[in-house]
Amino acid sequence: MKFISLSVIFVVLGINFLISVPALADTNMSVANNFEIGQKVIWLYKNRPDAADVQKIPAEVVKLSPKKVQIKVRKNNEFINRWVSPQKLEVFPRIQDSPSL
């Protein structure tokens, strides 16, 4: 009798888990839609959260996650990686060829 009740509990928990797994998936992939790996961006960097001035630092996208973007920046003649919020990134402006007259 104990075996049957335990097996029923495991079956119910298993079904419950299978139903809840899609709900746990993070479907917000808006970061992936805005940026691509290898894309040149501008990092809007503040040295302190309460600082008034914003420094624009050129960077390159290395990795994407649902909430953050990993960028590669140059510091003291070395490349370092930083995870930043996508709200602190701007797309690097492209220079278009002007038609020659």
C-alpha atoms as a PDB file:
ATOM      1  CA  MET A   1       0.000   0.000   0.000  1.00  0.00           C
ATOM      2  CA  LYS A   2       2.840   2.354   0.858  1.00  0.00           C
ATOM      3  CA  PHE A   3       4.479   1.648  -2.504  1.00  0.00           C
ATOM      4  CA  ILE A   4       1.317   2.595  -4.410  1.00  0.00           C
ATOM      5  CA  SER A   5       0.847   5.853  -2.508  1.00  0.00           C
ATOM      6  CA  LEU A   6       4.503   6.814  -3.049  1.00  0.00           C
ATOM      7  CA  SER A   7       4.287   6.019  -6.751  1.00  0.00           C
ATOM      8  CA  VAL A   8       1.108   8.114  -7.082  1.00  0.00           C
ATOM      9  CA  ILE A   9       2.843  11.032  -5.352  1.00  0.00           C
ATOM     10  CA  PHE A  10       5.833  10.771  -7.709  1.00  0.00           C
ATOM     11  CA  VAL A  11       3.567  10.606 -10.768  1.00  0.00           C
ATOM     12  CA  VAL A  12       1.620  13.671  -9.636  1.00  0.00           C
ATOM     13  CA  LEU A  13       4.833  15.582  -8.880  1.00  0.00           C
ATOM     14  CA  GLY A  14       6.299  14.533 -12.241  1.00  0.00           C
ATOM     15  CA  ILE A  15       3.236  15.745 -14.149  1.00  0.00           C
ATOM     16  CA  ASN A  16       3.245  18.975 -12.160  1.00  0.00           C
ATOM     17  CA  PHE A  17       6.932  19.501 -12.980  1.00  0.00           C
ATOM     18  CA  LEU A  18       6.422  18.852 -16.699  1.00  0.00           C
ATOM     19  CA  ILE A  19       3.578  21.357 -16.819  1.00  0.00           C
ATOM     20  CA  SER A  20       5.560  24.059 -14.997  1.00  0.00           C
ATOM     21  CA  VAL A  21       8.837  23.745 -16.975  1.00  0.00           C
ATOM     22  CA  PRO A  22       7.716  25.921 -19.947  1.00  0.00           C
ATOM     23  CA  ALA A  23       6.603  28.581 -17.479  1.00  0.00           C
ATOM     24  CA  LEU A  24      10.136  28.714 -16.055  1.00  0.00           C
ATOM     25  CA  ALA A  25      11.714  29.431 -19.436  1.00  0.00           C
ATOM     26  CA  ASP A  26      12.752  33.015 -19.993  1.00  0.00           C
ATOM     27  CA  THR A  27      11.096  34.068 -23.230  1.00  0.00           C
ATOM     28  CA  ASN A  28      12.258  37.684 -23.125  1.00  0.00           C
ATOM     29  CA  MET A  29      15.080  37.623 -25.650  1.00  0.00           C
ATOM     30  CA  SER A  30      14.908  41.299 -26.550  1.00  0.00           C
ATOM     31  CA  VAL A  31      18.662  41.633 -26.005  1.00  0.00           C
ATOM     32  CA  ALA A  32      19.314  39.098 -28.755  1.00  0.00           C
ATOM     33  CA  ASN A  33      17.100  41.073 -31.133  1.00  0.00           C
ATOM     34  CA  ASN A  34      18.971  44.351 -30.585  1.00  0.00           C
ATOM     35  CA  PHE A  35      22.592  43.193 -30.614  1.00  0.00           C
ATOM     36  CA  GLU A  36      24.755  40.657 -32.418  1.00  0.00           C
ATOM     37  CA  ILE A  37      28.051  39.083 -31.412  1.00  0.00           C
ATOM     38  CA  GLY A  38      30.908  41.065 -32.929  1.00  0.00           C
ATOM     39  CA  GLN A  39      28.826  44.230 -33.276  1.00  0.00           C
ATOM     40  CA  LYS A  40      30.532  47.529 -32.450  1.00  0.00           C
ATOM     41  CA  VAL A  41      28.697  49.486 -29.739  1.00  0.00           C
ATOM     42  CA  ILE A  42      29.189  52.491 -27.473  1.00  0.00           C
ATOM     43  CA  TRP A  43      29.096  51.856 -23.722  1.00  0.00           C
ATOM     44  CA  LEU A  44      27.591  54.744 -21.747  1.00  0.00           C
ATOM     45  CA  TYR A  45      29.799  54.455 -18.654  1.00  0.00           C
ATOM     46  CA  LYS A  46      29.397  56.264 -15.335  1.00  0.00           C
ATOM     47  CA  ASN A  47      32.192  55.865 -12.814  1.00  0.00           C
ATOM     48  CA  ARG A  48      29.613  56.201  -9.990  1.00  0.00           C
ATOM     49  CA  PRO A  49      25.833  55.757 -10.085  1.00  0.00           C
ATOM     50  CA  ASP A  50      25.303  59.336  -8.892  1.00  0.00           C
ATOM     51  CA  ALA A  51      27.779  60.844 -11.379  1.00  0.00           C
ATOM     52  CA  ALA A  52      26.414  63.464 -13.738  1.00  0.00           C
ATOM     53  CA  ASP A  53      28.805  62.958 -16.630  1.00  0.00           C
ATOM     54  CA  VAL A  54      28.637  59.926 -18.906  1.00  0.00           C
ATOM     55  CA  GLN A  55      31.683  58.643 -20.761  1.00  0.00           C
ATOM     56  CA  LYS A  56      31.182  57.082 -24.187  1.00  0.00           C
ATOM     57  CA  ILE A  57      33.508  54.097 -24.544  1.00  0.00           C
ATOM     58  CA  PRO A  58      33.771  52.074 -27.774  1.00  0.00           C
ATOM     59  CA  ALA A  59      33.249  48.345 -27.265  1.00  0.00           C
ATOM     60  CA  GLU A  60      32.448  45.105 -29.058  1.00  0.00           C
ATOM     61  CA  VAL A  61      29.708  42.603 -28.151  1.00  0.00           C
ATOM     62  CA  VAL A  62      31.170  39.258 -27.022  1.00  0.00           C
ATOM     63  CA  LYS A  63      28.237  37.332 -25.473  1.00  0.00           C
ATOM     64  CA  LEU A  64      24.485  37.744 -25.058  1.00  0.00           C
ATOM     65  CA  SER A  65      22.245  36.669 -22.204  1.00  0.00           C
ATOM     66  CA  PRO A  66      18.565  37.405 -21.585  1.00  0.00           C
ATOM     67  CA  LYS A  67      19.346  40.318 -19.246  1.00  0.00           C
ATOM     68  CA  LYS A  68      22.959  41.393 -19.867  1.00  0.00           C
ATOM     69  CA  VAL A  69      25.438  41.838 -22.693  1.00  0.00           C
ATOM     70  CA  GLN A  70      29.124  41.005 -22.351  1.00  0.00           C
ATOM     71  CA  ILE A  71      31.333  43.536 -24.089  1.00  0.00           C
ATOM     72  CA  LYS A  72      35.060  43.752 -24.767  1.00  0.00           C
ATOM     73  CA  VAL A  73      36.657  47.134 -23.984  1.00  0.00           C
ATOM     74  CA  ARG A  74      40.217  48.384 -24.076  1.00  0.00           C
ATOM     75  CA  LYS A  75      41.794  49.401 -20.745  1.00  0.00           C
ATOM     76  CA  ASN A  76      45.495  50.190 -20.292  1.00  0.00           C
ATOM     77  CA  ASN A  77      46.375  48.607 -23.656  1.00  0.00           C
ATOM     78  CA  GLU A  78      44.573  45.380 -22.690  1.00  0.00           C
ATOM     79  CA  PHE A  79      41.164  44.026 -23.613  1.00  0.00           C
ATOM     80  CA  ILE A  80      38.821  43.250 -20.719  1.00  0.00           C
ATOM     81  CA  ASN A  81      35.285  41.857 -20.692  1.00  0.00           C
ATOM     82  CA  ARG A  82      32.414  43.458 -18.782  1.00  0.00           C
ATOM     83  CA  TRP A  83      28.789  42.397 -18.342  1.00  0.00           C
ATOM     84  CA  VAL A  84      26.571  45.461 -18.794  1.00  0.00           C
ATOM     85  CA  SER A  85      22.895  46.260 -19.070  1.00  0.00           C
ATOM     86  CA  PRO A  86      21.675  46.679 -22.660  1.00  0.00           C
ATOM     87  CA  GLN A  87      20.161  50.043 -21.666  1.00  0.00           C
ATOM     88  CA  LYS A  88      23.719  51.337 -21.231  1.00  0.00           C
ATOM     89  CA  LEU A  89      24.684  50.498 -24.811  1.00  0.00           C
ATOM     90  CA  GLU A  90      24.183  52.420 -28.036  1.00  0.00           C
ATOM     91  CA  VAL A  91      24.610  51.056 -31.518  1.00  0.00           C
ATOM     92  CA  PHE A  92      27.791  52.370 -33.090  1.00  0.00           C
ATOM     93  CA  PRO A  93      26.831  54.814 -35.870  1.00  0.00           C
ATOM     94  CA  ARG A  94      27.686  53.523 -39.323  1.00  0.00           C
ATOM     95  CA  ILE A  95      29.434  55.800 -41.754  1.00  0.00           C
ATOM     96  CA  GLN A  96      27.687  55.598 -45.087  1.00  0.00           C
ATOM     97  CA  ASP A  97      29.422  56.312 -48.347  1.00  0.00           C
ATOM     98  CA  SER A  98      28.177  59.568 -49.763  1.00  0.00           C
ATOM     99  CA  PRO A  99      27.471  59.552 -53.472  1.00  0.00           C
ATOM    100  CA  SER A 100      30.226  61.240 -55.421  1.00  0.00           C
ATOM    101  CA  LEU A 101      29.234  64.183 -57.558  1.00  0.00           C
END
